[in-house]
Amino acid sequence: MQAEDADSSWAPGLTPISGVWFLYVVAFCLFDLIPVLSIFCMPSICDFPNCRLECLEPKAPGYCRGYFPSYYYDPWAGKCKKFIYGGCMGNRNRFLTKKQCYRRCKKEIGH
């Protein structure tokens, strides 16, 4: 099923990269990877090329009390933002520099 096949009349103006529609498309990407272990989504399902799943993960400071300035990619804003990582747990959407964040996420997501 391609994103444009779904009925979006209840939310005109939303695209697969914004709002509730975006969450719907990402759910399909998570389950329809080719090959199975690839981090690239099927172009026929995602409306943006090579969506990097780590760039779509939420900001996750973790549970420890360390102080490690880091950056995460905010897909809603389309930019990398600074946050403080605690030093444990967290997720893959964490970069040491803003440049690393943009290099990995901005061009891959296709903004």
C-alpha atoms as a PDB file:
ATOM      1  CA  MET A   1       0.000   0.000   0.000  1.00  0.00           C
ATOM      2  CA  GLN A   2       1.424   3.339  -0.959  1.00  0.00           C
ATOM      3  CA  ALA A   3       0.932   6.390   1.204  1.00  0.00           C
ATOM      4  CA  GLU A   4      -1.143   8.151  -1.420  1.00  0.00           C
ATOM      5  CA  ASP A   5      -3.599   5.220  -1.521  1.00  0.00           C
ATOM      6  CA  ALA A   6      -4.831   5.876   2.012  1.00  0.00           C
ATOM      7  CA  ASP A   7      -7.779   8.199   2.603  1.00  0.00           C
ATOM      8  CA  SER A   8      -6.502  11.481   4.020  1.00  0.00           C
ATOM      9  CA  SER A   9      -9.726  13.458   3.586  1.00  0.00           C
ATOM     10  CA  TRP A  10     -10.108  13.685   7.359  1.00  0.00           C
ATOM     11  CA  ALA A  11      -6.876  15.683   7.549  1.00  0.00           C
ATOM     12  CA  PRO A  12      -6.366  17.697   4.372  1.00  0.00           C
ATOM     13  CA  GLY A  13      -2.914  19.123   3.887  1.00  0.00           C
ATOM     14  CA  LEU A  14      -1.043  16.508   5.861  1.00  0.00           C
ATOM     15  CA  THR A  15       1.753  14.760   4.072  1.00  0.00           C
ATOM     16  CA  PRO A  16       3.523  11.519   4.957  1.00  0.00           C
ATOM     17  CA  ILE A  17       6.217  13.576   6.664  1.00  0.00           C
ATOM     18  CA  SER A  18       3.956  15.545   9.004  1.00  0.00           C
ATOM     19  CA  GLY A  19       1.316  14.995  11.637  1.00  0.00           C
ATOM     20  CA  VAL A  20      -0.602  11.768  12.193  1.00  0.00           C
ATOM     21  CA  TRP A  21      -0.078  10.705   8.587  1.00  0.00           C
ATOM     22  CA  PHE A  22       3.670  10.571   9.257  1.00  0.00           C
ATOM     23  CA  LEU A  23       3.216   8.086  12.108  1.00  0.00           C
ATOM     24  CA  TYR A  24       1.092   5.873   9.852  1.00  0.00           C
ATOM     25  CA  VAL A  25       3.773   5.777   7.152  1.00  0.00           C
ATOM     26  CA  VAL A  26       6.583   5.104   9.619  1.00  0.00           C
ATOM     27  CA  ALA A  27       4.677   2.114  11.033  1.00  0.00           C
ATOM     28  CA  PHE A  28       4.651   0.565   7.563  1.00  0.00           C
ATOM     29  CA  CYS A  29       8.367   1.268   7.132  1.00  0.00           C
ATOM     30  CA  LEU A  30       9.189  -0.538  10.343  1.00  0.00           C
ATOM     31  CA  PHE A  31       7.560  -3.745   9.168  1.00  0.00           C
ATOM     32  CA  ASP A  32       8.353  -3.709   5.446  1.00  0.00           C
ATOM     33  CA  LEU A  33      12.110  -3.492   5.271  1.00  0.00           C
ATOM     34  CA  ILE A  34      14.013  -4.871   2.270  1.00  0.00           C
ATOM     35  CA  PRO A  35      16.144  -6.830   2.990  1.00  0.00           C
ATOM     36  CA  VAL A  36      14.874  -7.698   6.453  1.00  0.00           C
ATOM     37  CA  LEU A  37      17.970  -6.420   8.276  1.00  0.00           C
ATOM     38  CA  SER A  38      18.321  -3.245   6.236  1.00  0.00           C
ATOM     39  CA  ILE A  39      17.694   0.141   7.828  1.00  0.00           C
ATOM     40  CA  PHE A  40      16.363   1.479   4.551  1.00  0.00           C
ATOM     41  CA  CYS A  41      12.612   1.507   3.994  1.00  0.00           C
ATOM     42  CA  MET A  42      10.863   0.476   0.811  1.00  0.00           C
ATOM     43  CA  PRO A  43      10.549   3.521  -1.474  1.00  0.00           C
ATOM     44  CA  SER A  44       7.062   2.388  -2.475  1.00  0.00           C
ATOM     45  CA  ILE A  45       5.896   2.678   1.133  1.00  0.00           C
ATOM     46  CA  CYS A  46       7.859   5.682   2.362  1.00  0.00           C
ATOM     47  CA  ASP A  47       7.299   8.972   0.630  1.00  0.00           C
ATOM     48  CA  PHE A  48      10.867   9.986   1.371  1.00  0.00           C
ATOM     49  CA  PRO A  49      14.001   8.128   0.260  1.00  0.00           C
ATOM     50  CA  ASN A  50      16.096   5.929   2.526  1.00  0.00           C
ATOM     51  CA  CYS A  51      14.367   6.812   5.774  1.00  0.00           C
ATOM     52  CA  ARG A  52      16.874   6.127   8.543  1.00  0.00           C
ATOM     53  CA  LEU A  53      14.935   4.661  11.414  1.00  0.00           C
ATOM     54  CA  GLU A  54      17.342   5.988  14.031  1.00  0.00           C
ATOM     55  CA  CYS A  55      16.598   9.519  12.839  1.00  0.00           C
ATOM     56  CA  LEU A  56      12.904   8.962  13.492  1.00  0.00           C
ATOM     57  CA  GLU A  57      13.383   7.829  17.094  1.00  0.00           C
ATOM     58  CA  PRO A  58      12.413  10.352  19.799  1.00  0.00           C
ATOM     59  CA  LYS A  59      14.899  12.320  21.867  1.00  0.00           C
ATOM     60  CA  ALA A  60      16.033   9.993  24.684  1.00  0.00           C
ATOM     61  CA  PRO A  61      18.190  11.516  27.422  1.00  0.00           C
ATOM     62  CA  GLY A  62      18.371   8.200  29.301  1.00  0.00           C
ATOM     63  CA  TYR A  63      18.070   7.567  33.027  1.00  0.00           C
ATOM     64  CA  CYS A  64      21.602   8.249  34.290  1.00  0.00           C
ATOM     65  CA  ARG A  65      22.687  11.590  35.695  1.00  0.00           C
ATOM     66  CA  GLY A  66      25.670  12.312  33.483  1.00  0.00           C
ATOM     67  CA  TYR A  67      25.992  15.515  31.485  1.00  0.00           C
ATOM     68  CA  PHE A  68      26.875  14.842  27.854  1.00  0.00           C
ATOM     69  CA  PRO A  69      25.818  17.576  25.407  1.00  0.00           C
ATOM     70  CA  SER A  70      24.491  15.783  22.321  1.00  0.00           C
ATOM     71  CA  TYR A  71      22.256  16.297  19.295  1.00  0.00           C
ATOM     72  CA  TYR A  72      19.184  14.466  18.031  1.00  0.00           C
ATOM     73  CA  TYR A  73      17.249  14.798  14.793  1.00  0.00           C
ATOM     74  CA  ASP A  74      13.703  16.142  15.167  1.00  0.00           C
ATOM     75  CA  PRO A  75      11.763  14.959  12.088  1.00  0.00           C
ATOM     76  CA  TRP A  76       8.812  17.244  12.894  1.00  0.00           C
ATOM     77  CA  ALA A  77      11.034  20.341  12.794  1.00  0.00           C
ATOM     78  CA  GLY A  78      13.356  18.981  10.097  1.00  0.00           C
ATOM     79  CA  LYS A  79      16.489  19.890  12.040  1.00  0.00           C
ATOM     80  CA  CYS A  80      18.993  18.682  14.606  1.00  0.00           C
ATOM     81  CA  LYS A  81      18.530  19.947  18.146  1.00  0.00           C
ATOM     82  CA  LYS A  82      20.757  19.983  21.194  1.00  0.00           C
ATOM     83  CA  PHE A  83      19.920  17.971  24.318  1.00  0.00           C
ATOM     84  CA  ILE A  84      21.721  16.564  27.349  1.00  0.00           C
ATOM     85  CA  TYR A  85      22.344  12.820  27.345  1.00  0.00           C
ATOM     86  CA  GLY A  86      22.619  11.238  30.798  1.00  0.00           C
ATOM     87  CA  GLY A  87      25.141   8.570  29.809  1.00  0.00           C
ATOM     88  CA  CYS A  88      23.086   5.373  29.735  1.00  0.00           C
ATOM     89  CA  MET A  89      20.062   3.910  27.966  1.00  0.00           C
ATOM     90  CA  GLY A  90      18.851   6.379  25.323  1.00  0.00           C
ATOM     91  CA  ASN A  91      18.592   5.328  21.666  1.00  0.00           C
ATOM     92  CA  ARG A  92      20.371   5.627  18.315  1.00  0.00           C
ATOM     93  CA  ASN A  93      19.132   9.154  17.600  1.00  0.00           C
ATOM     94  CA  ARG A  94      22.093  10.693  19.425  1.00  0.00           C
ATOM     95  CA  PHE A  95      25.099  12.407  17.878  1.00  0.00           C
ATOM     96  CA  LEU A  96      28.193  14.107  19.318  1.00  0.00           C
ATOM     97  CA  THR A  97      27.962  17.073  16.951  1.00  0.00           C
ATOM     98  CA  LYS A  98      25.289  18.870  14.990  1.00  0.00           C
ATOM     99  CA  LYS A  99      27.298  18.202  11.834  1.00  0.00           C
ATOM    100  CA  GLN A 100      27.203  14.419  12.432  1.00  0.00           C
ATOM    101  CA  CYS A 101      23.463  14.622  13.045  1.00  0.00           C
ATOM    102  CA  TYR A 102      22.771  16.493   9.808  1.00  0.00           C
ATOM    103  CA  ARG A 103      25.121  14.300   7.810  1.00  0.00           C
ATOM    104  CA  ARG A 104      23.288  11.171   8.947  1.00  0.00           C
ATOM    105  CA  CYS A 105      19.673  12.336   9.046  1.00  0.00           C
ATOM    106  CA  LYS A 106      18.914  15.476   7.061  1.00  0.00           C
ATOM    107  CA  LYS A 107      20.047  14.273   3.655  1.00  0.00           C
ATOM    108  CA  GLU A 108      18.838  10.698   4.255  1.00  0.00           C
ATOM    109  CA  ILE A 109      15.315  11.656   5.221  1.00  0.00           C
ATOM    110  CA  GLY A 110      15.082  13.954   2.251  1.00  0.00           C
ATOM    111  CA  HIS A 111      14.145  17.299   3.763  1.00  0.00           C
END
